[in-house]
C-alpha atoms as a PDB file:
ATOM      1  CA  MET A   1      -8.996   9.809  34.180  1.00  0.00           C
ATOM      2  CA  SER A   2      -6.517   7.245  35.415  1.00  0.00           C
ATOM      3  CA  SER A   3      -2.812   7.793  35.324  1.00  0.00           C
ATOM      4  CA  GLY A   4      -2.502   5.088  32.624  1.00  0.00           C
ATOM      5  CA  GLN A   5      -4.985   6.817  30.357  1.00  0.00           C
ATOM      6  CA  GLN A   6      -3.222  10.151  30.814  1.00  0.00           C
ATOM      7  CA  LEU A   7       0.089   8.590  29.838  1.00  0.00           C
ATOM      8  CA  GLN A   8      -1.445   7.152  26.687  1.00  0.00           C
ATOM      9  CA  ASP A   9      -3.007  10.515  25.770  1.00  0.00           C
ATOM     10  CA  ARG A  10       0.344  12.243  26.156  1.00  0.00           C
ATOM     11  CA  ARG A  11       1.961   9.749  23.798  1.00  0.00           C
ATOM     12  CA  GLY A  12      -0.623  10.737  21.229  1.00  0.00           C
ATOM     13  CA  GLY A  13      -2.664   7.522  20.919  1.00  0.00           C
ATOM     14  CA  ARG A  14      -4.626   4.755  22.541  1.00  0.00           C
ATOM     15  CA  ASP A  15      -4.067   1.080  23.028  1.00  0.00           C
ATOM     16  CA  ASP A  16      -5.853   0.371  19.753  1.00  0.00           C
ATOM     17  CA  ASP A  17      -3.133   2.265  17.872  1.00  0.00           C
ATOM     18  CA  TYR A  18      -0.523  -0.277  19.021  1.00  0.00           C
ATOM     19  CA  ALA A  19      -2.594  -3.403  18.466  1.00  0.00           C
ATOM     20  CA  PRO A  20      -1.260  -5.975  15.906  1.00  0.00           C
ATOM     21  CA  ALA A  21      -2.517  -5.512  12.373  1.00  0.00           C
ATOM     22  CA  PRO A  22      -5.138  -7.968  11.208  1.00  0.00           C
ATOM     23  CA  ARG A  23      -3.804 -11.052   9.488  1.00  0.00           C
ATOM     24  CA  GLY A  24      -5.394 -10.072   6.201  1.00  0.00           C
ATOM     25  CA  ARG A  25      -3.366  -6.888   6.047  1.00  0.00           C
ATOM     26  CA  ALA A  26      -0.089  -8.709   6.777  1.00  0.00           C
ATOM     27  CA  ARG A  27      -0.658 -11.171   3.958  1.00  0.00           C
ATOM     28  CA  LYS A  28      -1.456  -8.318   1.598  1.00  0.00           C
ATOM     29  CA  ARG A  29       1.800  -6.538   2.410  1.00  0.00           C
ATOM     30  CA  GLY A  30       3.713  -9.798   1.967  1.00  0.00           C
ATOM     31  CA  ALA A  31       2.222 -10.324  -1.486  1.00  0.00           C
ATOM     32  CA  ARG A  32       3.280  -6.853  -2.571  1.00  0.00           C
ATOM     33  CA  GLY A  33       6.869  -7.590  -1.434  1.00  0.00           C
ATOM     34  CA  SER A  34       7.087 -11.010  -3.148  1.00  0.00           C
ATOM     35  CA  TRP A  35      10.047 -11.701  -5.587  1.00  0.00           C
ATOM     36  CA  LEU A  36       7.733 -13.338  -8.121  1.00  0.00           C
ATOM     37  CA  THR A  37       6.394 -10.274  -9.875  1.00  0.00           C
ATOM     38  CA  THR A  38       4.648 -10.157 -13.227  1.00  0.00           C
ATOM     39  CA  LYS A  39       7.683  -8.583 -14.918  1.00  0.00           C
ATOM     40  CA  ARG A  40       9.970 -11.246 -13.578  1.00  0.00           C
ATOM     41  CA  VAL A  41       7.648 -14.021 -14.679  1.00  0.00           C
ATOM     42  CA  ILE A  42       7.640 -12.554 -18.197  1.00  0.00           C
ATOM     43  CA  GLY A  43      11.449 -12.226 -18.171  1.00  0.00           C
ATOM     44  CA  VAL A  44      11.980 -15.840 -17.094  1.00  0.00           C
ATOM     45  CA  GLY A  45       9.534 -17.014 -19.734  1.00  0.00           C
ATOM     46  CA  MET A  46      11.335 -15.112 -22.485  1.00  0.00           C
ATOM     47  CA  SER A  47      14.722 -16.484 -21.360  1.00  0.00           C
ATOM     48  CA  LEU A  48      13.433 -20.054 -21.462  1.00  0.00           C
ATOM     49  CA  ALA A  49      11.991 -19.444 -24.921  1.00  0.00           C
ATOM     50  CA  VAL A  50      15.379 -18.182 -26.206  1.00  0.00           C
ATOM     51  CA  VAL A  51      17.214 -21.183 -24.739  1.00  0.00           C
ATOM     52  CA  ALA A  52      14.701 -23.562 -26.314  1.00  0.00           C
ATOM     53  CA  ALA A  53      15.058 -21.852 -29.704  1.00  0.00           C
ATOM     54  CA  LEU A  54      18.859 -22.118 -29.557  1.00  0.00           C
ATOM     55  CA  GLY A  55      18.581 -25.791 -28.661  1.00  0.00           C
ATOM     56  CA  VAL A  56      16.371 -26.451 -31.674  1.00  0.00           C
ATOM     57  CA  PHE A  57      18.796 -24.543 -33.928  1.00  0.00           C
ATOM     58  CA  VAL A  58      21.825 -26.546 -32.695  1.00  0.00           C
ATOM     59  CA  VAL A  59      20.053 -29.890 -33.119  1.00  0.00           C
ATOM     60  CA  LYS A  60      18.865 -28.925 -36.608  1.00  0.00           C
ATOM     61  CA  THR A  61      22.371 -27.830 -37.615  1.00  0.00           C
ATOM     62  CA  ILE A  62      23.887 -31.108 -36.408  1.00  0.00           C
ATOM     63  CA  GLN A  63      21.292 -33.104 -38.329  1.00  0.00           C
ATOM     64  CA  GLU A  64      21.910 -31.087 -41.515  1.00  0.00           C
ATOM     65  CA  ASN A  65      25.682 -31.563 -41.223  1.00  0.00           C
ATOM     66  CA  GLU A  66      25.285 -35.301 -40.733  1.00  0.00           C
ATOM     67  CA  ALA A  67      22.983 -35.536 -43.744  1.00  0.00           C
ATOM     68  CA  ALA A  68      25.280 -33.493 -46.003  1.00  0.00           C
ATOM     69  CA  PRO A  69      27.301 -35.592 -48.486  1.00  0.00           C
ATOM     70  CA  ALA A  70      31.017 -35.915 -47.734  1.00  0.00           C
ATOM     71  CA  THR A  71      32.930 -34.092 -50.451  1.00  0.00           C
ATOM     72  CA  PRO A  72      36.701 -33.618 -50.646  1.00  0.00           C
ATOM     73  CA  LEU A  73      37.985 -30.214 -49.672  1.00  0.00           C
ATOM     74  CA  THR A  74      39.326 -28.071 -52.481  1.00  0.00           C
ATOM     75  CA  LEU A  75      42.763 -26.497 -52.438  1.00  0.00           C
ATOM     76  CA  GLY A  76      41.173 -23.152 -51.571  1.00  0.00           C
ATOM     77  CA  GLU A  77      39.275 -24.696 -48.667  1.00  0.00           C
ATOM     78  CA  LEU A  78      42.350 -26.490 -47.370  1.00  0.00           C
ATOM     79  CA  THR A  79      44.438 -23.331 -47.367  1.00  0.00           C
ATOM     80  CA  ARG A  80      41.738 -20.786 -46.483  1.00  0.00           C
ATOM     81  CA  GLY A  81      42.968 -18.375 -43.835  1.00  0.00           C
ATOM     82  CA  LEU A  82      46.506 -19.717 -44.032  1.00  0.00           C
ATOM     83  CA  ASN A  83      49.411 -17.648 -45.281  1.00  0.00           C
ATOM     84  CA  ASP A  84      51.454 -20.821 -45.642  1.00  0.00           C
ATOM     85  CA  PRO A  85      49.781 -24.225 -46.124  1.00  0.00           C
ATOM     86  CA  PHE A  86      53.023 -25.902 -45.036  1.00  0.00           C
ATOM     87  CA  ALA A  87      53.363 -23.848 -41.842  1.00  0.00           C
ATOM     88  CA  PRO A  88      54.613 -25.708 -38.739  1.00  0.00           C
ATOM     89  CA  ASP A  89      51.926 -27.467 -36.743  1.00  0.00           C
ATOM     90  CA  ALA A  90      52.957 -28.012 -33.125  1.00  0.00           C
ATOM     91  CA  GLU A  91      50.525 -30.890 -32.590  1.00  0.00           C
ATOM     92  CA  THR A  92      51.613 -32.728 -35.732  1.00  0.00           C
ATOM     93  CA  ASP A  93      55.294 -32.176 -34.998  1.00  0.00           C
ATOM     94  CA  ALA A  94      54.759 -33.590 -31.500  1.00  0.00           C
ATOM     95  CA  LEU A  95      53.214 -36.747 -32.967  1.00  0.00           C
ATOM     96  CA  LYS A  96      56.203 -37.135 -35.280  1.00  0.00           C
ATOM     97  CA  ALA A  97      58.568 -36.732 -32.345  1.00  0.00           C
ATOM     98  CA  VAL A  98      56.743 -39.421 -30.341  1.00  0.00           C
ATOM     99  CA  ALA A  99      56.940 -41.808 -33.303  1.00  0.00           C
ATOM    100  CA  ALA A 100      60.669 -41.126 -33.672  1.00  0.00           C
ATOM    101  CA  GLN A 101      61.211 -41.757 -29.964  1.00  0.00           C
ATOM    102  CA  ALA A 102      59.374 -45.077 -30.216  1.00  0.00           C
ATOM    103  CA  GLN A 103      61.582 -46.035 -33.156  1.00  0.00           C
ATOM    104  CA  ARG A 104      64.744 -45.253 -31.181  1.00  0.00           C
ATOM    105  CA  ALA A 105      63.486 -47.354 -28.265  1.00  0.00           C
ATOM    106  CA  TYR A 106      62.899 -50.330 -30.588  1.00  0.00           C
ATOM    107  CA  ASP A 107      66.320 -49.875 -32.181  1.00  0.00           C
ATOM    108  CA  ILE A 108      68.073 -49.855 -28.786  1.00  0.00           C
ATOM    109  CA  LYS A 109      66.143 -52.912 -27.616  1.00  0.00           C
ATOM    110  CA  ASN A 110      66.938 -54.883 -30.767  1.00  0.00           C
ATOM    111  CA  ALA A 111      70.605 -53.843 -30.714  1.00  0.00           C
ATOM    112  CA  ARG A 112      70.943 -55.614 -27.354  1.00  0.00           C
ATOM    113  CA  LYS A 113      69.615 -58.842 -28.836  1.00  0.00           C
ATOM    114  CA  LYS A 114      72.163 -60.592 -31.000  1.00  0.00           C
ATOM    115  CA  GLY A 115      70.700 -61.371 -34.386  1.00  0.00           C
ATOM    116  CA  ALA A 116      67.399 -59.617 -33.642  1.00  0.00           C
ATOM    117  CA  ALA A 117      65.646 -58.135 -36.649  1.00  0.00           C
ATOM    118  CA  GLY A 118      65.230 -54.380 -36.692  1.00  0.00           C
ATOM    119  CA  PHE A 119      61.822 -52.777 -36.294  1.00  0.00           C
ATOM    120  CA  ASP A 120      60.426 -51.227 -39.455  1.00  0.00           C
ATOM    121  CA  PRO A 121      58.182 -48.272 -38.552  1.00  0.00           C
ATOM    122  CA  VAL A 122      56.554 -48.485 -41.996  1.00  0.00           C
ATOM    123  CA  LYS A 123      53.680 -50.772 -42.903  1.00  0.00           C
ATOM    124  CA  ILE A 124      52.155 -51.112 -46.360  1.00  0.00           C
ATOM    125  CA  VAL A 125      48.399 -50.688 -46.110  1.00  0.00           C
ATOM    126  CA  ARG A 126      45.813 -52.512 -48.206  1.00  0.00           C
ATOM    127  CA  LYS A 127      43.479 -49.525 -48.296  1.00  0.00           C
ATOM    128  CA  ALA A 128      44.311 -45.841 -48.617  1.00  0.00           C
ATOM    129  CA  PRO A 129      43.235 -43.779 -45.580  1.00  0.00           C
ATOM    130  CA  GLY A 130      40.557 -41.102 -45.768  1.00  0.00           C
ATOM    131  CA  GLY A 131      39.956 -37.887 -43.846  1.00  0.00           C
ATOM    132  CA  ASP A 132      38.870 -34.283 -44.452  1.00  0.00           C
ATOM    133  CA  GLY A 133      35.992 -35.334 -46.687  1.00  0.00           C
ATOM    134  CA  PHE A 134      37.843 -38.190 -48.385  1.00  0.00           C
ATOM    135  CA  THR A 135      36.698 -41.755 -47.793  1.00  0.00           C
ATOM    136  CA  ALA A 136      39.128 -44.623 -47.390  1.00  0.00           C
ATOM    137  CA  GLN A 137      39.892 -45.965 -50.859  1.00  0.00           C
ATOM    138  CA  ALA A 138      40.844 -49.413 -52.127  1.00  0.00           C
ATOM    139  CA  PHE A 139      43.742 -49.548 -54.565  1.00  0.00           C
ATOM    140  CA  PRO A 140      43.003 -50.517 -58.164  1.00  0.00           C
ATOM    141  CA  PRO A 141      42.816 -54.314 -58.579  1.00  0.00           C
ATOM    142  CA  GLY A 142      46.100 -55.812 -59.726  1.00  0.00           C
ATOM    143  CA  SER A 143      48.080 -52.615 -59.121  1.00  0.00           C
ATOM    144  CA  LYS A 144      51.334 -52.813 -57.177  1.00  0.00           C
ATOM    145  CA  PRO A 145      53.691 -50.169 -55.775  1.00  0.00           C
ATOM    146  CA  ASN A 146      56.909 -49.624 -57.704  1.00  0.00           C
ATOM    147  CA  PRO A 147      59.446 -47.861 -55.461  1.00  0.00           C
ATOM    148  CA  GLY A 148      62.083 -47.943 -58.195  1.00  0.00           C
ATOM    149  CA  SER A 149      59.886 -46.022 -60.629  1.00  0.00           C
ATOM    150  CA  ASN A 150      58.853 -43.665 -57.826  1.00  0.00           C
ATOM    151  CA  LYS A 151      62.506 -42.867 -57.141  1.00  0.00           C
ATOM    152  CA  ALA A 152      63.175 -42.143 -60.815  1.00  0.00           C
ATOM    153  CA  LEU A 153      60.148 -39.844 -60.883  1.00  0.00           C
ATOM    154  CA  GLY A 154      61.219 -38.143 -57.666  1.00  0.00           C
ATOM    155  CA  GLN A 155      64.723 -37.520 -59.008  1.00  0.00           C
ATOM    156  CA  LYS A 156      63.290 -35.955 -62.162  1.00  0.00           C
ATOM    157  CA  MET A 157      60.844 -33.742 -60.218  1.00  0.00           C
ATOM    158  CA  ALA A 158      63.557 -32.653 -57.789  1.00  0.00           C
ATOM    159  CA  ALA A 159      65.843 -31.721 -60.688  1.00  0.00           C
ATOM    160  CA  ALA A 160      63.053 -29.602 -62.141  1.00  0.00           C
ATOM    161  CA  ARG A 161      63.178 -27.585 -58.920  1.00  0.00           C
ATOM    162  CA  GLY A 162      66.930 -27.116 -59.270  1.00  0.00           C
ATOM    163  CA  TRP A 163      67.766 -29.779 -56.705  1.00  0.00           C
ATOM    164  CA  SER A 164      69.889 -32.122 -58.833  1.00  0.00           C
ATOM    165  CA  GLY A 165      72.730 -31.826 -56.350  1.00  0.00           C
ATOM    166  CA  GLU A 166      70.352 -32.584 -53.477  1.00  0.00           C
ATOM    167  CA  TRP A 167      69.212 -35.935 -54.815  1.00  0.00           C
ATOM    168  CA  GLY A 168      71.299 -38.013 -52.415  1.00  0.00           C
ATOM    169  CA  CYS A 169      69.643 -36.343 -49.407  1.00  0.00           C
ATOM    170  CA  LEU A 170      66.133 -36.740 -50.819  1.00  0.00           C
ATOM    171  CA  GLU A 171      66.713 -40.393 -51.703  1.00  0.00           C
ATOM    172  CA  LYS A 172      67.905 -41.247 -48.197  1.00  0.00           C
ATOM    173  CA  LEU A 173      65.189 -39.164 -46.532  1.00  0.00           C
ATOM    174  CA  TRP A 174      62.276 -40.895 -48.224  1.00  0.00           C
ATOM    175  CA  ASP A 175      64.004 -44.283 -48.094  1.00  0.00           C
ATOM    176  CA  ARG A 176      63.842 -43.916 -44.339  1.00  0.00           C
ATOM    177  CA  GLU A 177      60.363 -42.412 -44.238  1.00  0.00           C
ATOM    178  CA  SER A 178      58.451 -44.685 -46.616  1.00  0.00           C
ATOM    179  CA  HIS A 179      60.837 -46.803 -48.759  1.00  0.00           C
ATOM    180  CA  TRP A 180      59.442 -44.682 -51.614  1.00  0.00           C
ATOM    181  CA  ASN A 181      56.180 -46.598 -51.406  1.00  0.00           C
ATOM    182  CA  GLU A 182      53.017 -44.576 -52.013  1.00  0.00           C
ATOM    183  CA  ARG A 183      51.066 -46.980 -49.757  1.00  0.00           C
ATOM    184  CA  ALA A 184      53.350 -46.608 -46.756  1.00  0.00           C
ATOM    185  CA  MET A 185      51.935 -45.708 -43.363  1.00  0.00           C
ATOM    186  CA  ASN A 186      53.832 -45.054 -40.130  1.00  0.00           C
ATOM    187  CA  ARG A 187      52.837 -47.567 -37.458  1.00  0.00           C
ATOM    188  CA  SER A 188      53.109 -45.034 -34.647  1.00  0.00           C
ATOM    189  CA  SER A 189      51.873 -41.715 -36.040  1.00  0.00           C
ATOM    190  CA  GLY A 190      49.658 -42.725 -38.977  1.00  0.00           C
ATOM    191  CA  ALA A 191      51.593 -40.526 -41.435  1.00  0.00           C
ATOM    192  CA  TYR A 192      50.957 -41.634 -45.014  1.00  0.00           C
ATOM    193  CA  GLY A 193      52.530 -41.711 -48.448  1.00  0.00           C
ATOM    194  CA  ILE A 194      56.010 -41.278 -49.860  1.00  0.00           C
ATOM    195  CA  PRO A 195      56.681 -38.003 -47.963  1.00  0.00           C
ATOM    196  CA  GLN A 196      54.733 -39.274 -44.901  1.00  0.00           C
ATOM    197  CA  ALA A 197      52.225 -36.442 -44.629  1.00  0.00           C
ATOM    198  CA  LEU A 198      50.403 -36.231 -41.320  1.00  0.00           C
ATOM    199  CA  PRO A 199      47.531 -36.510 -41.849  1.00  0.00           C
ATOM    200  CA  GLY A 200      47.728 -37.891 -45.357  1.00  0.00           C
ATOM    201  CA  SER A 201      44.836 -35.696 -46.498  1.00  0.00           C
ATOM    202  CA  LYS A 202      47.176 -32.691 -46.417  1.00  0.00           C
ATOM    203  CA  MET A 203      48.433 -33.913 -49.771  1.00  0.00           C
ATOM    204  CA  ALA A 204      45.040 -33.081 -51.300  1.00  0.00           C
ATOM    205  CA  SER A 205      46.423 -29.578 -51.825  1.00  0.00           C
ATOM    206  CA  ALA A 206      48.574 -31.116 -54.572  1.00  0.00           C
ATOM    207  CA  GLY A 207      45.822 -33.226 -56.119  1.00  0.00           C
ATOM    208  CA  GLY A 208      42.622 -35.108 -55.375  1.00  0.00           C
ATOM    209  CA  ASP A 209      44.310 -38.440 -56.185  1.00  0.00           C
ATOM    210  CA  TRP A 210      46.741 -38.126 -53.267  1.00  0.00           C
ATOM    211  CA  GLN A 211      45.685 -41.492 -51.859  1.00  0.00           C
ATOM    212  CA  VAL A 212      47.004 -43.518 -54.800  1.00  0.00           C
ATOM    213  CA  SER A 213      49.245 -41.283 -56.931  1.00  0.00           C
ATOM    214  CA  ALA A 214      52.989 -41.317 -56.336  1.00  0.00           C
ATOM    215  CA  ALA A 215      53.403 -38.196 -58.502  1.00  0.00           C
ATOM    216  CA  THR A 216      50.912 -36.199 -56.410  1.00  0.00           C
ATOM    217  CA  GLN A 217      52.541 -37.333 -53.193  1.00  0.00           C
ATOM    218  CA  ILE A 218      56.015 -36.413 -54.447  1.00  0.00           C
ATOM    219  CA  GLU A 219      54.801 -33.004 -55.636  1.00  0.00           C
ATOM    220  CA  TRP A 220      53.336 -32.254 -52.216  1.00  0.00           C
ATOM    221  CA  GLY A 221      56.427 -33.567 -50.443  1.00  0.00           C
ATOM    222  CA  LEU A 222      58.795 -31.380 -52.430  1.00  0.00           C
ATOM    223  CA  GLY A 223      56.628 -28.353 -51.673  1.00  0.00           C
ATOM    224  CA  TYR A 224      56.656 -29.246 -47.981  1.00  0.00           C
ATOM    225  CA  ILE A 225      60.449 -29.560 -47.949  1.00  0.00           C
ATOM    226  CA  ALA A 226      60.890 -26.237 -49.743  1.00  0.00           C
ATOM    227  CA  ALA A 227      58.586 -24.449 -47.300  1.00  0.00           C
ATOM    228  CA  ARG A 228      59.905 -25.977 -44.086  1.00  0.00           C
ATOM    229  CA  TYR A 229      63.573 -26.796 -44.757  1.00  0.00           C
ATOM    230  CA  LYS A 230      64.465 -24.954 -47.995  1.00  0.00           C
ATOM    231  CA  THR A 231      66.213 -27.990 -49.537  1.00  0.00           C
ATOM    232  CA  PRO A 232      66.198 -31.796 -49.260  1.00  0.00           C
ATOM    233  CA  CYS A 233      69.547 -31.712 -47.488  1.00  0.00           C
ATOM    234  CA  GLY A 234      68.068 -29.304 -44.945  1.00  0.00           C
ATOM    235  CA  ALA A 235      65.232 -31.765 -44.339  1.00  0.00           C
ATOM    236  CA  TRP A 236      67.647 -34.707 -44.152  1.00  0.00           C
ATOM    237  CA  GLY A 237      69.824 -32.879 -41.622  1.00  0.00           C
ATOM    238  CA  HIS A 238      66.789 -32.242 -39.413  1.00  0.00           C
ATOM    239  CA  SER A 239      65.734 -35.865 -39.739  1.00  0.00           C
ATOM    240  CA  GLN A 240      69.212 -37.052 -38.751  1.00  0.00           C
ATOM    241  CA  ALA A 241      69.148 -34.834 -35.672  1.00  0.00           C
ATOM    242  CA  THR A 242      65.589 -35.512 -34.473  1.00  0.00           C
ATOM    243  CA  GLY A 243      64.344 -38.661 -36.222  1.00  0.00           C
ATOM    244  CA  TRP A 244      61.610 -36.769 -38.085  1.00  0.00           C
ATOM    245  CA  TYR A 245      61.207 -33.875 -40.501  1.00  0.00           C
END
């Protein structure tokens, strides 16, 4: 026996034991170690099925919502989940502040021009705005706003709340906000109505005819003042300080 054969025998094997495995065996081992197993294929398939089902559900829901008739929100729906329907709204208050700032800028610019006319932030719309399930609404043919009658009604409704002594503040406040015109809209913010609700559809909590009724708008406005500023003079003081209320 040669010295090479003896060395191999001592190691416990022959050259055949160290020969490379046939290619067939290597491929077989590779297949067993592959990531794409039957369980994983089933799992991926189930995941794709769930995603597809959710997609169908979302599309169907969108289509059903678009097909549903637009109906005004009820008072309960408008105030659902709210402890106070007149609670401060940071986004709305910010819009009011921007509108007031724009008004001040116009006032300063016009003050520098001798004889220049002041800028009126209020415009009188030809069609009542919609929103929150309400469609934009045309005013009754031949009807016209009557700020004088609206003031008389507002004074009476304020007195019923015990605010007879606050009338001067309320009169000046809504003179500035809307000229007591139920069709008034702020050019900058889009606030609407005698109390300038933003959006106007908030007044639906006082009545479904908020778009055209001065009485409904005044009722909502008085409730807003009571909730936010306690009295008309409190609201007027805030308006004097900030340009909005």
